């Protein structure tokens, strides 16, 4: 297709539109219900928005406090690069003592720091 050629809308296949059921409301009933519906809908939305803003700020504040409380007793991790032989010995010791490698490392670090006055 060259730049000068164009397609018309008739050349595209489109699905037919769905026919909406035509409801003929009672004019008296429609006039009575419309003002009540619009007034009832607009007022709660503003109240809901205000409530959401207050709730979200309260929720974020509670979340921050929870994170702070969790961090007070949180563990801090240290990565240690071990050679293959040291890692094998640590793993064997942890198996024989029926404890974790982490517990052995923590105890060894504490002993080192205590021995050196830290």
N, C-alpha and C. Protein backbone atom coordinates (compact mmCIF):
# COMPACT_ATOMS: atom_id res chain seq x y z
N UNK A 1 0.85 -1.16 0.00
CA UNK A 1 0.00 0.00 0.00
C UNK A 1 0.90 1.23 0.00
N UNK A 2 0.67 2.10 -0.90
CA UNK A 2 1.49 3.31 -0.99
C UNK A 2 0.96 4.36 -0.03
N UNK A 3 1.71 5.45 0.14
CA UNK A 3 1.33 6.51 1.06
C UNK A 3 0.07 7.23 0.65
N UNK A 4 -0.25 7.24 -0.64
CA UNK A 4 -1.43 7.98 -1.10
C UNK A 4 -2.72 7.19 -0.91
N UNK A 5 -2.62 5.87 -0.86
CA UNK A 5 -3.83 5.06 -0.70
C UNK A 5 -4.29 5.13 0.74
N UNK A 6 -5.58 5.09 0.92
CA UNK A 6 -6.11 5.09 2.28
C UNK A 6 -7.27 4.11 2.34
N UNK A 7 -7.52 3.63 3.53
CA UNK A 7 -8.60 2.67 3.75
C UNK A 7 -9.82 3.41 4.28
N UNK A 8 -10.97 2.91 3.87
CA UNK A 8 -12.20 3.50 4.40
C UNK A 8 -12.69 2.64 5.56
N UNK A 9 -13.57 3.17 6.33
CA UNK A 9 -14.10 2.43 7.47
C UNK A 9 -14.90 1.21 7.04
N UNK A 10 -15.42 1.24 5.85
CA UNK A 10 -16.22 0.11 5.35
C UNK A 10 -15.35 -1.12 5.11
N UNK A 11 -14.07 -0.95 4.93
CA UNK A 11 -13.18 -2.07 4.63
C UNK A 11 -12.78 -2.85 5.88
N UNK A 12 -13.05 -2.33 7.04
CA UNK A 12 -12.72 -3.02 8.29
C UNK A 12 -13.93 -3.80 8.78
N UNK A 13 -13.68 -5.01 9.27
CA UNK A 13 -14.76 -5.82 9.83
C UNK A 13 -14.93 -5.42 11.29
N UNK A 14 -16.12 -5.07 11.66
CA UNK A 14 -16.40 -4.70 13.04
C UNK A 14 -17.59 -5.49 13.54
N UNK A 15 -17.59 -5.73 14.83
CA UNK A 15 -18.69 -6.46 15.44
C UNK A 15 -19.88 -5.52 15.60
N UNK A 16 -21.08 -6.05 15.44
CA UNK A 16 -22.24 -5.18 15.62
C UNK A 16 -22.38 -4.77 17.09
N UNK A 17 -22.93 -3.61 17.32
CA UNK A 17 -23.13 -3.12 18.68
C UNK A 17 -24.25 -3.89 19.36
N UNK A 18 -24.07 -4.07 20.66
CA UNK A 18 -25.11 -4.73 21.44
C UNK A 18 -26.28 -3.79 21.61
N UNK A 19 -27.44 -4.33 21.52
CA UNK A 19 -28.63 -3.52 21.72
C UNK A 19 -28.91 -3.43 23.22
N UNK A 20 -28.98 -2.23 23.73
CA UNK A 20 -29.28 -2.03 25.15
C UNK A 20 -30.79 -2.12 25.33
N UNK A 21 -31.20 -2.75 26.40
CA UNK A 21 -32.65 -2.80 26.64
C UNK A 21 -33.16 -1.41 26.93
N UNK A 22 -34.21 -1.05 26.25
CA UNK A 22 -34.74 0.31 26.43
C UNK A 22 -35.73 0.27 27.58
N UNK A 23 -35.32 0.84 28.70
CA UNK A 23 -36.18 0.92 29.86
C UNK A 23 -36.85 2.30 29.86
N UNK A 24 -38.12 2.29 29.98
CA UNK A 24 -38.85 3.54 30.05
C UNK A 24 -39.26 3.72 31.51
N UNK A 25 -38.50 4.53 32.23
CA UNK A 25 -38.82 4.68 33.65
C UNK A 25 -40.05 5.56 33.85
N UNK A 26 -40.66 5.36 34.97
CA UNK A 26 -41.80 6.18 35.34
C UNK A 26 -41.29 7.60 35.61
N UNK A 27 -41.77 8.63 34.88
CA UNK A 27 -41.22 9.98 35.04
C UNK A 27 -41.33 10.52 36.46
N UNK A 28 -42.39 10.21 37.17
CA UNK A 28 -42.55 10.70 38.54
C UNK A 28 -41.52 10.02 39.44
N UNK A 29 -41.36 8.75 39.27
CA UNK A 29 -40.41 7.99 40.09
C UNK A 29 -38.98 8.43 39.80
N UNK A 30 -38.66 8.70 38.53
CA UNK A 30 -37.32 9.10 38.14
C UNK A 30 -36.97 10.45 38.76
N UNK A 31 -37.91 11.39 38.81
CA UNK A 31 -37.63 12.71 39.39
C UNK A 31 -37.41 12.60 40.90
N UNK A 32 -38.12 11.71 41.55
CA UNK A 32 -37.99 11.55 43.00
C UNK A 32 -36.65 10.88 43.34
N UNK A 33 -36.25 9.89 42.55
CA UNK A 33 -35.05 9.13 42.88
C UNK A 33 -33.76 9.85 42.50
N UNK A 34 -33.70 10.59 41.44
CA UNK A 34 -32.45 11.20 40.97
C UNK A 34 -31.83 12.15 42.00
N UNK A 35 -32.57 13.13 42.52
CA UNK A 35 -31.93 14.02 43.50
C UNK A 35 -31.43 13.27 44.73
N UNK A 36 -32.17 12.28 45.17
CA UNK A 36 -31.74 11.52 46.34
C UNK A 36 -30.47 10.74 46.02
N UNK A 37 -30.37 10.17 44.83
CA UNK A 37 -29.20 9.39 44.45
C UNK A 37 -27.96 10.27 44.34
N UNK A 38 -28.09 11.42 43.68
CA UNK A 38 -26.91 12.27 43.49
C UNK A 38 -26.45 12.86 44.80
N UNK A 39 -27.36 13.25 45.67
CA UNK A 39 -26.96 13.82 46.96
C UNK A 39 -26.33 12.74 47.83
N UNK A 40 -26.88 11.55 47.81
CA UNK A 40 -26.36 10.47 48.63
C UNK A 40 -25.00 9.99 48.15
N UNK A 41 -24.73 10.08 46.87
CA UNK A 41 -23.48 9.58 46.32
C UNK A 41 -22.35 10.58 46.52
N UNK A 42 -22.61 11.87 46.33
CA UNK A 42 -21.52 12.85 46.38
C UNK A 42 -21.01 13.07 47.79
N UNK A 43 -21.85 13.11 48.78
CA UNK A 43 -21.41 13.38 50.14
C UNK A 43 -20.56 12.25 50.71
N UNK A 44 -20.94 10.98 50.61
CA UNK A 44 -20.10 9.93 51.17
C UNK A 44 -18.73 9.83 50.49
N UNK A 45 -18.66 10.17 49.20
CA UNK A 45 -17.37 10.08 48.52
C UNK A 45 -16.35 11.01 49.17
N UNK A 46 -16.74 12.24 49.46
CA UNK A 46 -15.79 13.15 50.09
C UNK A 46 -15.44 12.66 51.47
N UNK A 47 -16.41 12.14 52.20
CA UNK A 47 -16.13 11.60 53.52
C UNK A 47 -15.23 10.38 53.45
N UNK A 48 -15.44 9.54 52.43
CA UNK A 48 -14.62 8.36 52.24
C UNK A 48 -13.20 8.76 51.90
N UNK A 49 -13.05 9.79 51.03
CA UNK A 49 -11.72 10.25 50.66
C UNK A 49 -10.98 10.80 51.87
N UNK A 50 -11.68 11.59 52.69
CA UNK A 50 -11.05 12.11 53.91
C UNK A 50 -10.68 10.97 54.83
N UNK A 51 -11.56 10.00 54.95
CA UNK A 51 -11.29 8.84 55.80
C UNK A 51 -10.11 8.03 55.31
N UNK A 52 -10.02 7.87 53.98
CA UNK A 52 -8.91 7.12 53.41
C UNK A 52 -7.59 7.83 53.66
N UNK A 53 -7.59 9.16 53.51
CA UNK A 53 -6.36 9.91 53.73
C UNK A 53 -5.91 9.78 55.17
N UNK A 54 -6.84 9.90 56.10
CA UNK A 54 -6.51 9.76 57.51
C UNK A 54 -6.08 8.35 57.84
N UNK A 55 -6.76 7.38 57.27
CA UNK A 55 -6.43 5.99 57.51
C UNK A 55 -5.07 5.63 56.92
N UNK A 56 -4.79 6.14 55.72
CA UNK A 56 -3.52 5.80 55.10
C UNK A 56 -2.36 6.42 55.85
N UNK A 57 -2.53 7.65 56.36
CA UNK A 57 -1.44 8.26 57.12
C UNK A 57 -1.25 7.55 58.45
N UNK A 58 -2.36 7.14 59.06
CA UNK A 58 -2.26 6.37 60.30
C UNK A 58 -1.61 5.01 60.05
N UNK A 59 -1.96 4.40 58.94
CA UNK A 59 -1.38 3.09 58.61
C UNK A 59 0.10 3.21 58.32
N UNK A 60 0.50 4.25 57.59
CA UNK A 60 1.92 4.41 57.29
C UNK A 60 2.71 4.72 58.55
N UNK A 61 2.11 5.49 59.45
CA UNK A 61 2.77 5.80 60.72
C UNK A 61 2.94 4.53 61.55
N UNK A 62 1.91 3.71 61.60
CA UNK A 62 1.98 2.45 62.34
C UNK A 62 3.01 1.51 61.72
N UNK A 63 3.10 1.51 60.40
CA UNK A 63 4.07 0.66 59.72
C UNK A 63 5.49 1.10 60.04
N UNK A 64 5.74 2.42 60.04
CA UNK A 64 7.08 2.93 60.40
C UNK A 64 7.45 2.54 61.82
N UNK A 65 6.50 2.67 62.75
CA UNK A 65 6.77 2.31 64.14
C UNK A 65 7.05 0.82 64.27
N UNK A 66 6.33 0.01 63.52
CA UNK A 66 6.55 -1.43 63.57
C UNK A 66 7.94 -1.78 63.04
N UNK A 67 8.36 -1.12 61.96
CA UNK A 67 9.68 -1.37 61.40
C UNK A 67 10.78 -0.97 62.38
N UNK A 68 10.60 0.17 63.05
CA UNK A 68 11.59 0.61 64.05
C UNK A 68 11.68 -0.40 65.19
N UNK A 69 10.54 -0.87 65.67
CA UNK A 69 10.54 -1.83 66.76
C UNK A 69 11.22 -3.14 66.34
N UNK A 70 11.00 -3.53 65.11
CA UNK A 70 11.61 -4.77 64.61
C UNK A 70 13.13 -4.61 64.48
N UNK A 71 13.57 -3.42 64.08
CA UNK A 71 15.01 -3.20 63.87
C UNK A 71 15.78 -3.15 65.19
N UNK A 72 15.10 -2.88 66.32
CA UNK A 72 15.80 -2.82 67.60
C UNK A 72 16.41 -4.17 67.94
N UNK A 73 15.72 -5.25 67.66
CA UNK A 73 16.22 -6.58 67.99
C UNK A 73 16.66 -7.36 66.77
N UNK A 74 16.88 -6.67 65.67
CA UNK A 74 17.18 -7.36 64.42
C UNK A 74 18.62 -7.85 64.39
N UNK A 75 18.81 -8.93 63.69
CA UNK A 75 20.15 -9.45 63.47
C UNK A 75 20.78 -8.71 62.32
N UNK A 76 22.07 -8.52 62.40
CA UNK A 76 22.81 -7.90 61.32
C UNK A 76 23.77 -8.94 60.78
N UNK A 77 23.78 -9.10 59.49
CA UNK A 77 24.52 -10.18 58.87
C UNK A 77 25.90 -9.74 58.40
N UNK A 78 26.84 -10.68 58.49
CA UNK A 78 28.20 -10.47 58.01
C UNK A 78 28.54 -11.65 57.11
N UNK A 79 29.01 -11.36 55.92
CA UNK A 79 29.44 -12.43 55.02
C UNK A 79 30.91 -12.71 55.24
N UNK A 80 31.26 -13.99 55.30
CA UNK A 80 32.64 -14.39 55.51
C UNK A 80 33.05 -15.29 54.36
N UNK A 81 34.15 -14.95 53.73
CA UNK A 81 34.67 -15.76 52.64
C UNK A 81 35.64 -16.79 53.22
N UNK A 82 35.27 -18.05 53.18
CA UNK A 82 36.11 -19.13 53.73
C UNK A 82 36.69 -19.97 52.61
N UNK A 83 37.90 -20.48 52.85
CA UNK A 83 38.44 -21.42 51.87
C UNK A 83 37.72 -22.76 52.04
N UNK A 84 37.91 -23.63 51.10
CA UNK A 84 37.16 -24.89 51.05
C UNK A 84 37.42 -25.76 52.29
N UNK A 85 38.66 -25.83 52.72
CA UNK A 85 39.02 -26.68 53.86
C UNK A 85 38.40 -26.14 55.16
N UNK A 86 38.44 -24.82 55.37
CA UNK A 86 37.85 -24.23 56.58
C UNK A 86 36.35 -24.43 56.60
N UNK A 87 35.72 -24.28 55.48
CA UNK A 87 34.27 -24.49 55.39
C UNK A 87 33.93 -25.95 55.69
N UNK A 88 34.73 -26.86 55.18
CA UNK A 88 34.48 -28.29 55.44
C UNK A 88 34.61 -28.60 56.93
N UNK A 89 35.63 -28.04 57.58
CA UNK A 89 35.85 -28.25 59.01
C UNK A 89 34.70 -27.65 59.83
N UNK A 90 34.23 -26.46 59.43
CA UNK A 90 33.11 -25.81 60.11
C UNK A 90 31.84 -26.65 59.98
N UNK A 91 31.62 -27.18 58.81
CA UNK A 91 30.44 -28.01 58.57
C UNK A 91 30.50 -29.30 59.37
N UNK A 92 31.67 -29.91 59.43
CA UNK A 92 31.85 -31.14 60.20
C UNK A 92 31.65 -30.87 61.69
N UNK A 93 32.21 -29.75 62.19
CA UNK A 93 32.05 -29.40 63.60
C UNK A 93 30.58 -29.14 63.92
N UNK A 94 29.87 -28.47 63.04
CA UNK A 94 28.46 -28.19 63.29
C UNK A 94 27.65 -29.49 63.30
N UNK A 95 28.01 -30.43 62.46
CA UNK A 95 27.30 -31.72 62.43
C UNK A 95 27.59 -32.51 63.71
N UNK A 96 28.87 -32.57 64.10
CA UNK A 96 29.24 -33.35 65.28
C UNK A 96 28.69 -32.75 66.57
N UNK A 97 28.63 -31.43 66.66
CA UNK A 97 28.13 -30.76 67.86
C UNK A 97 26.62 -30.60 67.84
N UNK A 98 25.99 -30.98 66.74
CA UNK A 98 24.55 -30.85 66.56
C UNK A 98 24.09 -29.41 66.78
N UNK A 99 24.79 -28.49 66.14
CA UNK A 99 24.46 -27.07 66.19
C UNK A 99 24.64 -26.48 64.80
N UNK A 100 24.28 -25.26 64.63
CA UNK A 100 24.39 -24.64 63.31
C UNK A 100 25.78 -24.03 63.13
N UNK A 101 26.16 -23.86 61.86
CA UNK A 101 27.42 -23.20 61.56
C UNK A 101 27.38 -21.75 62.04
N UNK A 102 26.22 -21.15 61.95
CA UNK A 102 26.07 -19.77 62.38
C UNK A 102 26.34 -19.64 63.86
N UNK A 103 25.83 -20.56 64.68
CA UNK A 103 26.05 -20.50 66.12
C UNK A 103 27.54 -20.63 66.45
N UNK A 104 28.24 -21.49 65.73
CA UNK A 104 29.68 -21.65 65.95
C UNK A 104 30.41 -20.36 65.59
N UNK A 105 30.05 -19.77 64.46
CA UNK A 105 30.70 -18.52 64.04
C UNK A 105 30.43 -17.40 65.04
N UNK A 106 29.19 -17.28 65.52
CA UNK A 106 28.87 -16.24 66.51
C UNK A 106 29.70 -16.42 67.77
N UNK A 107 29.80 -17.65 68.25
CA UNK A 107 30.57 -17.93 69.47
C UNK A 107 32.04 -17.61 69.25
N UNK A 108 32.59 -17.97 68.09
CA UNK A 108 34.00 -17.72 67.80
C UNK A 108 34.27 -16.21 67.72
N UNK A 109 33.38 -15.46 67.13
CA UNK A 109 33.56 -14.01 67.02
C UNK A 109 33.50 -13.37 68.40
N UNK A 110 32.55 -13.79 69.23
CA UNK A 110 32.45 -13.25 70.59
C UNK A 110 33.72 -13.53 71.39
N UNK A 111 34.23 -14.76 71.29
CA UNK A 111 35.46 -15.12 72.01
C UNK A 111 36.63 -14.26 71.53
N UNK A 112 36.74 -14.04 70.25
CA UNK A 112 37.82 -13.22 69.70
C UNK A 112 37.72 -11.78 70.20
N UNK A 113 36.50 -11.24 70.16
CA UNK A 113 36.32 -9.84 70.60
C UNK A 113 36.58 -9.70 72.11
N UNK A 114 36.12 -10.68 72.90
CA UNK A 114 36.37 -10.63 74.34
C UNK A 114 37.86 -10.75 74.65
N UNK A 115 38.54 -11.64 73.93
CA UNK A 115 39.98 -11.84 74.17
C UNK A 115 40.79 -10.60 73.84
N UNK A 116 40.34 -9.84 72.86
CA UNK A 116 41.08 -8.64 72.44
C UNK A 116 40.53 -7.35 73.07
N UNK A 117 39.60 -7.47 74.01
CA UNK A 117 39.11 -6.31 74.76
C UNK A 117 38.13 -5.44 74.02
N UNK A 118 37.41 -5.96 73.09
CA UNK A 118 36.42 -5.15 72.38
C UNK A 118 35.04 -5.39 72.89
